């Protein structure tokens, strides 16, 4: 048996994180066996503009647009850096949900597109459709410590 060490939630400048994708991969390669580069992708139940949080909304929307633009280049970069059995990369993205909590969606293979679900049940339906097409993916709850209703996990709607 062998222990594998990795990071399943690595942000960088592909959305609204810091640093380049190439640096994130190089840093992970120095000490990990696998990494998932996770961009912020979508927030279907984002609060409405009210003059107070407009900067926060703009920040998120710019990050989401950046990931949409960068996704093809990101996938190409991940494919080039992936070394099966030595250093494995998993493409991923994060979807925010006020009502049910954020989810990180991971693809097993170096393919896949960003999903834009309208709510958690739509996300589950889209993942089931991918599974039926032979595309392995998983949605992992994120921010389980946040308060329900503010992107924290809603255990009443959680489906293991």
N, C-alpha and C. Protein backbone atom coordinates (compact mmCIF):
# COMPACT_ATOMS: atom_id res chain seq x y z
N UNK A 1 0.84 -1.18 0.00
CA UNK A 1 0.00 0.00 0.00
C UNK A 1 0.88 1.24 0.00
N UNK A 2 0.35 2.28 -0.60
CA UNK A 2 1.09 3.55 -0.67
C UNK A 2 0.15 4.70 -0.33
N UNK A 3 0.62 5.62 0.44
CA UNK A 3 -0.16 6.83 0.73
C UNK A 3 0.06 7.83 -0.40
N UNK A 4 -1.02 8.43 -0.86
CA UNK A 4 -0.96 9.46 -1.89
C UNK A 4 -1.32 10.79 -1.24
N UNK A 5 -0.59 11.83 -1.57
CA UNK A 5 -0.82 13.14 -0.98
C UNK A 5 -1.25 14.10 -2.06
N UNK A 6 -2.29 14.87 -1.75
CA UNK A 6 -2.79 15.79 -2.75
C UNK A 6 -3.60 16.93 -2.18
N UNK A 7 -4.03 17.78 -3.06
CA UNK A 7 -4.83 18.95 -2.74
C UNK A 7 -6.04 18.93 -3.66
N UNK A 8 -7.23 18.82 -3.09
CA UNK A 8 -8.45 18.76 -3.90
C UNK A 8 -9.16 20.11 -4.02
N UNK A 9 -8.48 21.17 -3.64
CA UNK A 9 -9.13 22.48 -3.76
C UNK A 9 -8.07 23.56 -3.87
N UNK A 10 -7.47 23.66 -5.02
CA UNK A 10 -6.39 24.63 -5.24
C UNK A 10 -6.90 25.73 -6.16
N UNK A 11 -6.98 26.94 -5.64
CA UNK A 11 -7.40 28.08 -6.46
C UNK A 11 -6.17 28.81 -7.00
N UNK A 12 -6.34 29.44 -8.13
CA UNK A 12 -5.32 30.31 -8.69
C UNK A 12 -6.02 31.35 -9.54
N UNK A 13 -5.30 32.07 -10.35
CA UNK A 13 -5.85 33.17 -11.12
C UNK A 13 -6.72 32.79 -12.30
N UNK A 14 -7.11 31.50 -12.43
CA UNK A 14 -8.00 31.13 -13.53
C UNK A 14 -9.42 31.64 -13.31
N UNK A 15 -9.73 32.04 -12.08
CA UNK A 15 -11.02 32.69 -11.82
C UNK A 15 -10.74 33.91 -10.96
N UNK A 16 -10.98 33.84 -9.67
CA UNK A 16 -10.61 34.98 -8.84
C UNK A 16 -9.69 34.58 -7.69
N UNK A 17 -8.75 33.72 -8.00
CA UNK A 17 -7.69 33.40 -7.07
C UNK A 17 -6.45 34.20 -7.44
N UNK A 18 -5.33 33.81 -6.88
CA UNK A 18 -4.08 34.53 -7.13
C UNK A 18 -3.04 33.59 -7.73
N UNK A 19 -2.19 34.12 -8.56
CA UNK A 19 -1.11 33.36 -9.15
C UNK A 19 -1.54 32.65 -10.42
N UNK A 20 -0.55 32.24 -11.17
CA UNK A 20 -0.83 31.62 -12.46
C UNK A 20 -1.15 30.13 -12.30
N UNK A 21 -1.83 29.59 -13.27
CA UNK A 21 -2.12 28.16 -13.32
C UNK A 21 -0.81 27.38 -13.35
N UNK A 22 0.13 27.82 -14.14
CA UNK A 22 1.42 27.13 -14.26
C UNK A 22 2.15 27.10 -12.91
N UNK A 23 2.12 28.21 -12.17
CA UNK A 23 2.76 28.23 -10.85
C UNK A 23 2.04 27.31 -9.87
N UNK A 24 0.71 27.28 -9.93
CA UNK A 24 -0.05 26.39 -9.04
C UNK A 24 0.35 24.93 -9.29
N UNK A 25 0.47 24.56 -10.55
CA UNK A 25 0.86 23.19 -10.90
C UNK A 25 2.29 22.91 -10.46
N UNK A 26 3.19 23.84 -10.74
CA UNK A 26 4.60 23.64 -10.37
C UNK A 26 4.76 23.52 -8.85
N UNK A 27 4.07 24.35 -8.10
CA UNK A 27 4.15 24.28 -6.64
C UNK A 27 3.59 22.96 -6.13
N UNK A 28 2.49 22.51 -6.69
CA UNK A 28 1.89 21.24 -6.26
C UNK A 28 2.82 20.08 -6.61
N UNK A 29 3.42 20.12 -7.77
CA UNK A 29 4.31 19.04 -8.23
C UNK A 29 5.49 18.84 -7.27
N UNK A 30 5.93 19.91 -6.61
CA UNK A 30 7.08 19.82 -5.70
C UNK A 30 6.82 18.91 -4.50
N UNK A 31 5.55 18.77 -4.09
CA UNK A 31 5.31 18.03 -2.85
C UNK A 31 4.08 17.12 -2.86
N UNK A 32 3.34 17.08 -3.96
CA UNK A 32 2.10 16.31 -3.99
C UNK A 32 2.10 15.26 -5.10
N UNK A 33 1.22 14.29 -4.94
CA UNK A 33 1.03 13.26 -5.97
C UNK A 33 -0.12 13.63 -6.90
N UNK A 34 -1.06 14.44 -6.42
CA UNK A 34 -2.19 14.87 -7.25
C UNK A 34 -2.67 16.24 -6.79
N UNK A 35 -3.33 16.91 -7.70
CA UNK A 35 -3.90 18.22 -7.37
C UNK A 35 -5.14 18.44 -8.24
N UNK A 36 -6.06 19.15 -7.69
CA UNK A 36 -7.23 19.59 -8.44
C UNK A 36 -7.19 21.11 -8.50
N UNK A 37 -7.13 21.64 -9.70
CA UNK A 37 -7.19 23.08 -9.88
C UNK A 37 -8.67 23.43 -9.99
N UNK A 38 -9.16 24.24 -9.06
CA UNK A 38 -10.59 24.49 -8.92
C UNK A 38 -10.89 25.98 -9.14
N UNK A 39 -11.56 26.27 -10.23
CA UNK A 39 -11.97 27.64 -10.49
C UNK A 39 -13.38 27.90 -9.98
N UNK A 40 -13.65 29.13 -9.62
CA UNK A 40 -15.00 29.54 -9.22
C UNK A 40 -15.81 29.76 -10.50
N UNK A 41 -16.97 29.08 -10.62
CA UNK A 41 -17.65 29.02 -11.91
C UNK A 41 -19.02 29.69 -11.97
N UNK A 42 -19.81 29.61 -10.91
CA UNK A 42 -21.22 29.93 -11.08
C UNK A 42 -21.88 30.13 -9.72
N UNK A 43 -22.90 30.99 -9.68
CA UNK A 43 -23.66 31.22 -8.45
C UNK A 43 -25.09 31.54 -8.84
N UNK A 44 -25.92 30.51 -9.04
CA UNK A 44 -27.27 30.74 -9.55
C UNK A 44 -28.19 31.52 -8.62
N UNK A 45 -27.98 31.42 -7.31
CA UNK A 45 -28.84 32.17 -6.38
C UNK A 45 -28.08 33.28 -5.67
N UNK A 46 -27.21 33.95 -6.45
CA UNK A 46 -26.45 35.07 -5.93
C UNK A 46 -27.42 36.16 -5.46
N UNK A 47 -27.11 36.83 -4.37
CA UNK A 47 -27.98 37.92 -3.92
C UNK A 47 -28.13 39.00 -5.00
N UNK A 48 -29.24 39.69 -4.96
CA UNK A 48 -29.51 40.78 -5.90
C UNK A 48 -28.66 42.00 -5.56
N UNK A 49 -28.37 42.78 -6.55
CA UNK A 49 -27.67 44.05 -6.34
C UNK A 49 -28.53 44.95 -5.45
N UNK A 50 -27.88 45.60 -4.49
CA UNK A 50 -28.61 46.50 -3.61
C UNK A 50 -27.85 47.80 -3.34
N UNK A 51 -26.78 48.02 -4.10
CA UNK A 51 -25.95 49.20 -3.89
C UNK A 51 -24.88 48.99 -2.85
N UNK A 52 -25.08 48.05 -1.94
CA UNK A 52 -24.11 47.78 -0.88
C UNK A 52 -23.15 46.66 -1.29
N UNK A 53 -23.69 45.61 -1.91
CA UNK A 53 -22.86 44.45 -2.26
C UNK A 53 -22.53 44.40 -3.74
N UNK A 54 -22.74 45.48 -4.46
CA UNK A 54 -22.49 45.48 -5.90
C UNK A 54 -21.04 45.12 -6.23
N UNK A 55 -20.08 45.59 -5.42
CA UNK A 55 -18.67 45.27 -5.67
C UNK A 55 -18.42 43.77 -5.52
N UNK A 56 -19.08 43.15 -4.56
CA UNK A 56 -18.93 41.70 -4.34
C UNK A 56 -19.49 40.94 -5.54
N UNK A 57 -20.64 41.37 -6.02
CA UNK A 57 -21.25 40.72 -7.19
C UNK A 57 -20.35 40.89 -8.41
N UNK A 58 -19.86 42.10 -8.63
CA UNK A 58 -18.96 42.34 -9.76
C UNK A 58 -17.71 41.46 -9.67
N UNK A 59 -17.14 41.36 -8.48
CA UNK A 59 -15.95 40.53 -8.25
C UNK A 59 -16.20 39.09 -8.67
N UNK A 60 -17.32 38.54 -8.22
CA UNK A 60 -17.66 37.16 -8.56
C UNK A 60 -17.93 37.01 -10.06
N UNK A 61 -18.72 37.90 -10.62
CA UNK A 61 -19.06 37.78 -12.04
C UNK A 61 -17.82 37.87 -12.93
N UNK A 62 -16.87 38.73 -12.57
CA UNK A 62 -15.62 38.81 -13.34
C UNK A 62 -14.83 37.51 -13.23
N UNK A 63 -14.80 36.93 -12.03
CA UNK A 63 -14.10 35.67 -11.84
C UNK A 63 -14.75 34.53 -12.62
N UNK A 64 -16.08 34.49 -12.62
CA UNK A 64 -16.79 33.45 -13.37
C UNK A 64 -16.51 33.59 -14.87
N UNK A 65 -16.54 34.82 -15.36
CA UNK A 65 -16.28 35.07 -16.79
C UNK A 65 -14.84 34.67 -17.14
N UNK A 66 -13.93 34.95 -16.23
CA UNK A 66 -12.52 34.58 -16.48
C UNK A 66 -12.38 33.07 -16.60
N UNK A 67 -13.02 32.31 -15.70
CA UNK A 67 -12.92 30.85 -15.79
C UNK A 67 -13.52 30.36 -17.10
N UNK A 68 -14.66 30.89 -17.50
CA UNK A 68 -15.28 30.49 -18.78
C UNK A 68 -14.29 30.69 -19.92
N UNK A 69 -13.61 31.82 -19.90
CA UNK A 69 -12.64 32.14 -20.94
C UNK A 69 -11.41 31.25 -20.84
N UNK A 70 -10.95 30.97 -19.63
CA UNK A 70 -9.70 30.24 -19.42
C UNK A 70 -9.86 28.72 -19.45
N UNK A 71 -11.08 28.21 -19.38
CA UNK A 71 -11.30 26.76 -19.27
C UNK A 71 -10.58 25.96 -20.36
N UNK A 72 -10.71 26.30 -21.65
CA UNK A 72 -10.01 25.50 -22.67
C UNK A 72 -8.49 25.50 -22.48
N UNK A 73 -7.91 26.64 -22.16
CA UNK A 73 -6.47 26.72 -21.93
C UNK A 73 -6.09 25.94 -20.68
N UNK A 74 -6.93 26.05 -19.65
CA UNK A 74 -6.67 25.32 -18.42
C UNK A 74 -6.62 23.81 -18.70
N UNK A 75 -7.60 23.32 -19.44
CA UNK A 75 -7.64 21.88 -19.73
C UNK A 75 -6.41 21.45 -20.53
N UNK A 76 -6.02 22.26 -21.49
CA UNK A 76 -4.82 21.96 -22.28
C UNK A 76 -3.58 21.92 -21.39
N UNK A 77 -3.46 22.87 -20.48
CA UNK A 77 -2.32 22.93 -19.57
C UNK A 77 -2.32 21.73 -18.62
N UNK A 78 -3.49 21.35 -18.11
CA UNK A 78 -3.57 20.19 -17.22
C UNK A 78 -3.16 18.91 -17.95
N UNK A 79 -3.63 18.75 -19.18
CA UNK A 79 -3.27 17.55 -19.97
C UNK A 79 -1.75 17.47 -20.16
N UNK A 80 -1.13 18.60 -20.45
CA UNK A 80 0.32 18.62 -20.70
C UNK A 80 1.11 18.32 -19.43
N UNK A 81 0.59 18.71 -18.27
CA UNK A 81 1.32 18.53 -17.01
C UNK A 81 1.04 17.19 -16.34
N UNK A 82 -0.03 16.52 -16.73
CA UNK A 82 -0.43 15.27 -16.09
C UNK A 82 0.57 14.16 -16.39
N UNK A 83 0.96 13.39 -15.37
CA UNK A 83 1.82 12.23 -15.53
C UNK A 83 1.17 11.07 -14.77
N UNK A 84 0.40 10.26 -15.48
CA UNK A 84 -0.32 9.16 -14.84
C UNK A 84 0.62 8.35 -13.95
N UNK A 85 0.17 8.11 -12.72
CA UNK A 85 0.95 7.31 -11.77
C UNK A 85 2.04 8.08 -11.05
N UNK A 86 2.33 9.30 -11.49
CA UNK A 86 3.38 10.11 -10.85
C UNK A 86 2.83 11.42 -10.30
N UNK A 87 2.14 12.16 -11.14
CA UNK A 87 1.56 13.44 -10.74
C UNK A 87 0.29 13.63 -11.55
N UNK A 88 -0.84 13.48 -10.88
CA UNK A 88 -2.13 13.45 -11.56
C UNK A 88 -2.91 14.72 -11.27
N UNK A 89 -3.52 15.25 -12.32
CA UNK A 89 -4.32 16.47 -12.20
C UNK A 89 -5.78 16.16 -12.46
N UNK A 90 -6.63 16.77 -11.65
CA UNK A 90 -8.07 16.62 -11.80
C UNK A 90 -8.69 17.99 -12.07
N UNK A 91 -9.34 18.16 -13.21
CA UNK A 91 -10.02 19.44 -13.44
C UNK A 91 -11.24 19.55 -12.55
N UNK A 92 -11.50 20.77 -12.08
CA UNK A 92 -12.63 20.98 -11.18
C UNK A 92 -13.11 22.42 -11.28
N UNK A 93 -14.29 22.62 -10.76
CA UNK A 93 -14.83 23.97 -10.63
C UNK A 93 -15.76 24.00 -9.44
N UNK A 94 -16.01 25.18 -8.93
CA UNK A 94 -16.86 25.36 -7.76
C UNK A 94 -18.12 26.11 -8.15
N UNK A 95 -19.26 25.59 -7.69
CA UNK A 95 -20.54 26.26 -7.88
C UNK A 95 -21.04 26.67 -6.50
N UNK A 96 -21.43 27.92 -6.38
CA UNK A 96 -21.95 28.44 -5.12
C UNK A 96 -23.47 28.30 -5.08
N UNK A 97 -23.97 27.91 -3.94
CA UNK A 97 -25.42 27.86 -3.70
C UNK A 97 -25.69 28.43 -2.31
N UNK A 98 -26.38 29.53 -2.23
CA UNK A 98 -26.80 30.03 -0.91
C UNK A 98 -27.68 29.01 -0.21
N UNK A 99 -28.66 28.49 -0.94
CA UNK A 99 -29.69 27.64 -0.34
C UNK A 99 -29.14 26.30 0.16
N UNK A 100 -28.24 25.67 -0.59
CA UNK A 100 -27.83 24.29 -0.28
C UNK A 100 -26.35 24.11 -0.01
N UNK A 101 -25.58 25.14 -0.15
CA UNK A 101 -24.15 25.04 0.09
C UNK A 101 -23.36 24.82 -1.18
N UNK A 102 -22.14 25.31 -1.19
CA UNK A 102 -21.27 25.21 -2.36
C UNK A 102 -20.92 23.75 -2.64
N UNK A 103 -20.63 23.49 -3.91
CA UNK A 103 -20.15 22.18 -4.33
C UNK A 103 -18.94 22.36 -5.22
N UNK A 104 -17.95 21.48 -5.02
CA UNK A 104 -16.83 21.37 -5.94
C UNK A 104 -17.12 20.18 -6.83
N UNK A 105 -17.03 20.38 -8.12
CA UNK A 105 -17.29 19.31 -9.08
C UNK A 105 -15.96 18.92 -9.69
N UNK A 106 -15.63 17.63 -9.58
CA UNK A 106 -14.36 17.10 -10.07
C UNK A 106 -14.63 16.14 -11.23
N UNK A 107 -13.77 16.20 -12.23
CA UNK A 107 -13.77 15.21 -13.31
C UNK A 107 -12.61 14.26 -13.08
N UNK A 108 -12.86 12.96 -13.25
CA UNK A 108 -11.80 11.99 -13.08
C UNK A 108 -10.76 12.12 -14.19
N UNK A 109 -11.24 12.30 -15.40
CA UNK A 109 -10.34 12.38 -16.54
C UNK A 109 -10.15 13.83 -16.96
N UNK A 110 -9.21 14.04 -17.84
CA UNK A 110 -8.87 15.40 -18.27
C UNK A 110 -9.77 15.85 -19.41
N UNK A 111 -11.05 15.90 -19.12
CA UNK A 111 -12.06 16.35 -20.05
C UNK A 111 -13.20 16.93 -19.23
N UNK A 112 -14.24 17.32 -19.91
CA UNK A 112 -15.41 17.84 -19.21
C UNK A 112 -15.54 19.34 -19.37
N UNK A 113 -16.74 19.79 -19.17
CA UNK A 113 -17.06 21.20 -19.31
C UNK A 113 -17.59 21.74 -17.98
N UNK A 114 -17.62 23.05 -17.87
CA UNK A 114 -18.22 23.69 -16.70
C UNK A 114 -19.73 23.48 -16.79
N UNK A 115 -20.33 23.12 -15.68
CA UNK A 115 -21.78 22.98 -15.60
C UNK A 115 -22.36 24.26 -15.00
N UNK A 116 -23.54 24.62 -15.46
CA UNK A 116 -24.21 25.82 -14.97
C UNK A 116 -25.60 25.46 -14.47
N UNK A 117 -25.67 24.75 -13.32
CA UNK A 117 -26.97 24.33 -12.80
C UNK A 117 -27.77 25.50 -12.25
N UNK A 118 -29.08 25.35 -12.27
CA UNK A 118 -29.96 26.38 -11.71
C UNK A 118 -30.14 26.22 -10.21
N UNK A 119 -29.99 24.98 -9.73
CA UNK A 119 -30.08 24.68 -8.30
C UNK A 119 -29.44 23.32 -8.06
N UNK A 120 -29.49 22.85 -6.82
CA UNK A 120 -28.81 21.60 -6.48
C UNK A 120 -29.42 20.40 -7.20
N UNK A 121 -30.74 20.35 -7.33
CA UNK A 121 -31.35 19.21 -8.02
C UNK A 121 -30.95 19.21 -9.50
N UNK A 122 -30.82 20.38 -10.09
CA UNK A 122 -30.36 20.46 -11.48
C UNK A 122 -28.91 19.99 -11.59
N UNK A 123 -28.09 20.33 -10.61
CA UNK A 123 -26.71 19.83 -10.61
C UNK A 123 -26.70 18.31 -10.56
N UNK A 124 -27.50 17.73 -9.68
CA UNK A 124 -27.56 16.26 -9.58
C UNK A 124 -28.03 15.65 -10.90
N UNK A 125 -28.99 16.28 -11.56
CA UNK A 125 -29.48 15.78 -12.85
C UNK A 125 -28.39 15.86 -13.91
N UNK A 126 -27.63 16.95 -13.93
CA UNK A 126 -26.56 17.08 -14.91
C UNK A 126 -25.45 16.06 -14.65
N UNK A 127 -25.14 15.81 -13.38
CA UNK A 127 -24.13 14.81 -13.06
C UNK A 127 -24.60 13.41 -13.44
N UNK A 128 -25.89 13.12 -13.23
CA UNK A 128 -26.44 11.81 -13.63
C UNK A 128 -26.37 11.64 -15.14
N UNK A 129 -26.63 12.70 -15.87
CA UNK A 129 -26.54 12.64 -17.34
C UNK A 129 -25.09 12.35 -17.76
N UNK A 130 -24.13 13.01 -17.13
CA UNK A 130 -22.73 12.74 -17.42
C UNK A 130 -22.40 11.27 -17.13
N UNK A 131 -22.87 10.78 -15.99
CA UNK A 131 -22.61 9.38 -15.62
C UNK A 131 -23.17 8.44 -16.67
N UNK A 132 -24.38 8.75 -17.17
CA UNK A 132 -24.98 7.92 -18.22
C UNK A 132 -24.18 7.95 -19.51
N UNK A 133 -23.44 9.04 -19.73
CA UNK A 133 -22.60 9.18 -20.92
C UNK A 133 -21.19 8.60 -20.70
N UNK A 134 -20.95 8.04 -19.51
CA UNK A 134 -19.65 7.45 -19.21
C UNK A 134 -18.62 8.44 -18.71
N UNK A 135 -19.05 9.62 -18.31
CA UNK A 135 -18.14 10.65 -17.80
C UNK A 135 -18.16 10.57 -16.27
N UNK A 136 -17.01 10.22 -15.68
CA UNK A 136 -16.92 10.12 -14.23
C UNK A 136 -16.69 11.50 -13.61
N UNK A 137 -17.58 11.86 -12.70
CA UNK A 137 -17.48 13.13 -12.00
C UNK A 137 -18.10 12.97 -10.63
N UNK A 138 -17.82 13.90 -9.76
CA UNK A 138 -18.38 13.86 -8.42
C UNK A 138 -18.54 15.30 -7.92
N UNK A 139 -19.57 15.52 -7.12
CA UNK A 139 -19.77 16.82 -6.47
C UNK A 139 -19.50 16.65 -4.98
N UNK A 140 -18.61 17.46 -4.47
CA UNK A 140 -18.22 17.39 -3.06
C UNK A 140 -18.73 18.65 -2.36
N UNK A 141 -19.44 18.49 -1.23
CA UNK A 141 -19.85 19.68 -0.47
C UNK A 141 -18.63 20.47 -0.03
N UNK A 142 -18.79 21.77 0.00
CA UNK A 142 -17.70 22.67 0.37
C UNK A 142 -18.27 23.72 1.31
N UNK A 143 -17.46 24.26 2.16
CA UNK A 143 -17.90 25.25 3.17
C UNK A 143 -18.93 24.64 4.11
N UNK A 144 -18.67 23.45 4.61
CA UNK A 144 -19.64 22.80 5.48
C UNK A 144 -19.77 23.53 6.82
N UNK A 145 -18.83 24.40 7.14
CA UNK A 145 -18.91 25.16 8.39
C UNK A 145 -19.65 26.47 8.26
N UNK A 146 -19.93 26.90 7.03
CA UNK A 146 -20.69 28.13 6.86
C UNK A 146 -22.13 27.91 7.31
N UNK A 147 -22.79 28.99 7.64
CA UNK A 147 -24.19 28.92 8.05
C UNK A 147 -25.08 28.58 6.86
N UNK A 148 -26.06 27.70 7.07
CA UNK A 148 -27.02 27.36 6.03
C UNK A 148 -27.72 28.64 5.57
N UNK A 149 -27.86 28.78 4.26
CA UNK A 149 -28.46 29.98 3.69
C UNK A 149 -27.44 31.01 3.24
N UNK A 150 -26.18 30.80 3.63
CA UNK A 150 -25.09 31.69 3.21
C UNK A 150 -23.93 30.87 2.65
N UNK A 151 -24.28 29.96 1.74
CA UNK A 151 -23.35 29.08 1.05
C UNK A 151 -22.85 27.93 1.92
N UNK A 152 -23.39 27.76 3.11
CA UNK A 152 -23.05 26.61 3.94
C UNK A 152 -23.93 25.42 3.59
N UNK A 153 -23.44 24.23 3.89
CA UNK A 153 -24.15 23.01 3.55
C UNK A 153 -25.53 22.98 4.20
N UNK A 154 -26.49 22.55 3.44
CA UNK A 154 -27.84 22.32 3.94
C UNK A 154 -27.98 20.81 4.06
N UNK A 155 -27.88 20.30 5.28
CA UNK A 155 -27.90 18.86 5.48
C UNK A 155 -29.24 18.25 5.13
N UNK A 156 -30.30 19.05 5.09
CA UNK A 156 -31.63 18.54 4.70
C UNK A 156 -31.69 18.18 3.23
N UNK A 157 -30.85 18.81 2.39
CA UNK A 157 -30.86 18.53 0.96
C UNK A 157 -29.62 17.77 0.50
N UNK A 158 -28.75 17.43 1.44
CA UNK A 158 -27.52 16.70 1.12
C UNK A 158 -27.86 15.29 0.67
N UNK A 159 -27.25 14.85 -0.43
CA UNK A 159 -27.44 13.51 -0.96
C UNK A 159 -26.09 12.82 -1.06
N UNK A 160 -25.81 11.88 -0.14
CA UNK A 160 -24.49 11.25 -0.15
C UNK A 160 -24.26 10.44 -1.40
